[in-house]
Amino acid sequence: MRAALITSVLVTATGCGALWIATDGGLALTTESARRLRVERTQPSVPNAALETMTGETETLRPDTGNLTLIEFIYTTCPTICQSAGAAFARLRDAAEAEGLAPRLRMLSLSFDPEADNLAQLAAYGARHKADGRVWTVARPDPDDLPELLATFGVTVIPDGWGGYTHNAGIHLVDDRGRLVAITDADDVGGALAVARSFLQ
C-alpha cells in the first residue's frame, strides 16, 4: 500500500514537473498563451515584406514613419472570426481617434490568403468594416513572403476542408523599430489601446 502510494506521488510529481517546464513555469497553459509569452520575451523583428493595399498601392510592413503598427491576420471570405475581428478593429480605430492616438498608429488587416484575396475582395472587406485607407488599410503580401510572415508572428493557418481556414487570431503590435512586442485578443480593444499607449508615451 505504502509503495503504491509513493509510486503514485512520484508519477504525479513527475507529471507536474513536465507540465511546469512545458508551460513556461505554469504561465502558458495553451499554445496561444505560449505564443504571446514568447513574443513578449523575445520581441522578434518582423520581415519588411512588400504589401499591396486595397487601393492597389505598394507599402512595406515596416515603413519608416515612427508609428506603432497594429496587425490582424484575416482572409476576406472568412464567415466567422475575421468578421468579428474586423468589427473590433473598427472599434479600435474609433477609440484611437477619440483619444487622439490615430495619427501615431497604423492599422493593417493582412490577408494570409493572398492568391485568393484579390484587390476587389480586399476593397470589399475594407468597405464592409469602414477601413479608411488612412489609419487603417487592408493588404496582402507576396505569396513567397507568407511563410516567413506567419512563422514570425506565430500565426497558424489550417485548411478546414470546406474552402476556408482554421486560424488563431489576435491584434499584433509592431513598434517603430519593427519589433513584434505584444499580442492581445482580437476583440480586446481596451487591452490593445493600453499597450499602444505604453509604447507611445
Foldseek 3Di string as FASTA:
>chain_A
DVVVVVVVVVVVVVVVVVQCVVQVNPQRPDPVSVLFVVCQVPQAFADQFWKQWLVRDIDTPQDLPQAKEKEKEDALVDPPDVLVLLLLVLVLCVVCVVVVNLVRYAYEHEYLPVVPCDSVSQVVSCVVSVAPVPRYTYIYTDNVCNVRRCVQSVKDWADPVPPGTDIAIWIFIAGNVRTGNGTHHSNPSVVVVVVSVVRVD
